[in-house]
Amino acid sequence: MGQWFASNNTYPSYADGFSQFNGNAVWFRLDNWHGWVLNQFTKFFSTKLNYYALGTVMHEILHKQAVGGGFTHNKPPDARDMDRVISLVGWPSGMVDINNRESEAFGLLCFPNLR
């Protein structure tokens, strides 16, 4: 996993997390989640996780085959493509394009109180 994260460490292929499609495992790049440093995963001057952190967890869970057949990042998009699904609901306003737009969108749609 470390090698996979190392090879996906620059935008636009930056990876905050990875899910095993047909199993239980989910991995996160936890070195980015340290609460003692102001970062993209914590609320401003806090050690509490923000909407983007929980959106990243949601994003990885949605990749699971057991969740709606497993949501994808297919090009061209199909019925389970995350961008297509978010578009059907409507992309949230106020996105700042942190690293992963799907994770940010899920966070803003599902956990707006943690902004």
Protein backbone atom coordinates (compact mmCIF):
# COMPACT_ATOMS: atom_id res chain seq x y z
CA MET A 1 0.00 0.00 0.00
CA GLY A 2 2.83 2.38 0.78
CA GLN A 3 4.16 2.03 -2.74
CA TRP A 4 0.68 2.66 -4.20
CA PHE A 5 0.29 5.85 -2.16
CA ALA A 6 3.82 6.91 -3.11
CA SER A 7 3.02 6.52 -6.80
CA ASN A 8 -0.24 8.50 -6.40
CA ASN A 9 1.11 11.49 -4.52
CA THR A 10 0.70 14.42 -6.90
CA TYR A 11 -2.35 16.20 -8.25
CA PRO A 12 -4.41 15.12 -10.21
CA SER A 13 -3.63 11.50 -9.26
CA TYR A 14 -3.20 12.25 -5.54
CA ALA A 15 -4.78 9.55 -3.39
CA ASP A 16 -6.15 10.20 0.11
CA GLY A 17 -7.52 6.69 0.42
CA PHE A 18 -7.93 3.32 -1.25
CA SER A 19 -10.64 0.65 -0.94
CA GLN A 20 -10.60 -3.05 -1.58
CA PHE A 21 -13.50 -3.46 -4.05
CA ASN A 22 -14.68 -6.92 -3.01
CA GLY A 23 -13.39 -7.09 0.57
CA ASN A 24 -13.50 -5.23 3.85
CA ALA A 25 -10.20 -3.35 3.73
CA VAL A 26 -9.97 0.42 3.39
CA TRP A 27 -6.67 2.32 3.63
CA PHE A 28 -6.12 6.01 4.25
CA ARG A 29 -3.06 8.21 3.95
CA LEU A 30 -3.16 8.90 7.69
CA ASP A 31 0.05 10.93 7.73
CA ASN A 32 -2.13 13.73 6.30
CA TRP A 33 -4.65 13.45 9.16
CA HIS A 34 -2.45 14.62 12.05
CA GLY A 35 -4.64 16.93 14.13
CA TRP A 36 -1.79 18.89 15.65
CA VAL A 37 -1.01 20.48 12.29
CA LEU A 38 -3.49 22.72 10.51
CA ASN A 39 -4.36 20.67 7.45
CA GLN A 40 -7.10 19.72 5.02
CA PHE A 41 -8.63 17.05 7.28
CA THR A 42 -9.16 18.99 10.50
CA LYS A 43 -11.42 21.87 11.43
CA PHE A 44 -9.67 25.22 11.66
CA PHE A 45 -7.40 25.30 14.76
CA SER A 46 -8.90 22.05 16.02
CA THR A 47 -8.08 18.36 16.26
CA LYS A 48 -11.62 17.45 15.14
CA LEU A 49 -12.12 15.97 11.69
CA ASN A 50 -13.82 18.16 9.12
CA TYR A 51 -16.23 17.55 6.23
CA TYR A 52 -13.40 16.61 3.84
CA ALA A 53 -12.08 13.88 6.15
CA LEU A 54 -15.52 12.30 6.50
CA GLY A 55 -16.17 12.81 2.78
CA THR A 56 -12.97 10.83 2.10
CA VAL A 57 -14.20 7.99 4.32
CA MET A 58 -17.58 8.08 2.53
CA HIS A 59 -15.83 8.10 -0.87
CA GLU A 60 -13.85 4.95 -0.03
CA ILE A 61 -16.88 3.13 1.41
CA LEU A 62 -18.83 3.86 -1.79
CA HIS A 63 -16.17 1.98 -3.78
CA LYS A 64 -17.19 -1.24 -2.00
CA GLN A 65 -18.93 -3.80 -4.20
CA ALA A 66 -21.43 -4.36 -1.35
CA VAL A 67 -22.50 -0.70 -1.56
CA GLY A 68 -24.65 -0.28 -4.65
CA GLY A 69 -22.40 -2.59 -6.66
CA GLY A 70 -19.33 -0.44 -6.01
CA PHE A 71 -19.10 3.12 -7.26
CA THR A 72 -16.41 3.89 -9.82
CA HIS A 73 -14.40 6.57 -11.60
CA ASN A 74 -15.16 5.26 -15.08
CA LYS A 75 -14.42 7.24 -18.20
CA PRO A 76 -16.81 7.51 -19.94
CA PRO A 77 -19.08 7.55 -16.91
CA ASP A 78 -21.57 4.78 -16.32
CA ALA A 79 -24.53 4.55 -13.93
CA ARG A 80 -22.26 4.01 -10.90
CA ASP A 81 -19.67 6.67 -11.72
CA MET A 82 -19.19 8.99 -8.72
CA ASP A 83 -19.09 12.18 -10.81
CA ARG A 84 -22.35 11.20 -12.53
CA VAL A 85 -24.06 10.40 -9.22
CA ILE A 86 -22.94 13.69 -7.65
CA SER A 87 -24.11 15.56 -10.77
CA LEU A 88 -27.58 14.04 -10.37
CA VAL A 89 -27.80 15.46 -6.84
CA GLY A 90 -25.97 18.65 -7.77
CA TRP A 91 -22.38 19.58 -7.06
CA PRO A 92 -22.29 21.59 -3.81
CA SER A 93 -21.34 25.23 -3.81
CA GLY A 94 -18.28 26.46 -1.97
CA MET A 95 -15.88 23.75 -3.12
CA VAL A 96 -12.21 24.72 -2.81
CA ASP A 97 -10.66 21.81 -4.78
CA ILE A 98 -8.55 20.45 -1.92
CA ASN A 99 -7.21 17.22 -3.48
CA ASN A 100 -10.14 15.04 -4.39
CA ARG A 101 -13.28 16.71 -5.72
CA GLU A 102 -15.50 13.67 -5.11
CA SER A 103 -14.41 13.43 -1.46
CA GLU A 104 -14.95 17.16 -1.03
CA ALA A 105 -18.40 16.97 -2.65
CA PHE A 106 -19.50 14.02 -0.48
CA GLY A 107 -18.24 15.86 2.59
CA LEU A 108 -20.12 19.05 1.76
CA LEU A 109 -23.30 17.18 0.82
CA CYS A 110 -23.33 14.78 3.78
CA PHE A 111 -21.48 16.64 6.55
CA PRO A 112 -21.97 20.39 5.95
CA ASN A 113 -22.02 21.05 9.70
CA LEU A 114 -18.33 20.05 9.89
CA ARG A 115 -17.16 22.81 7.59
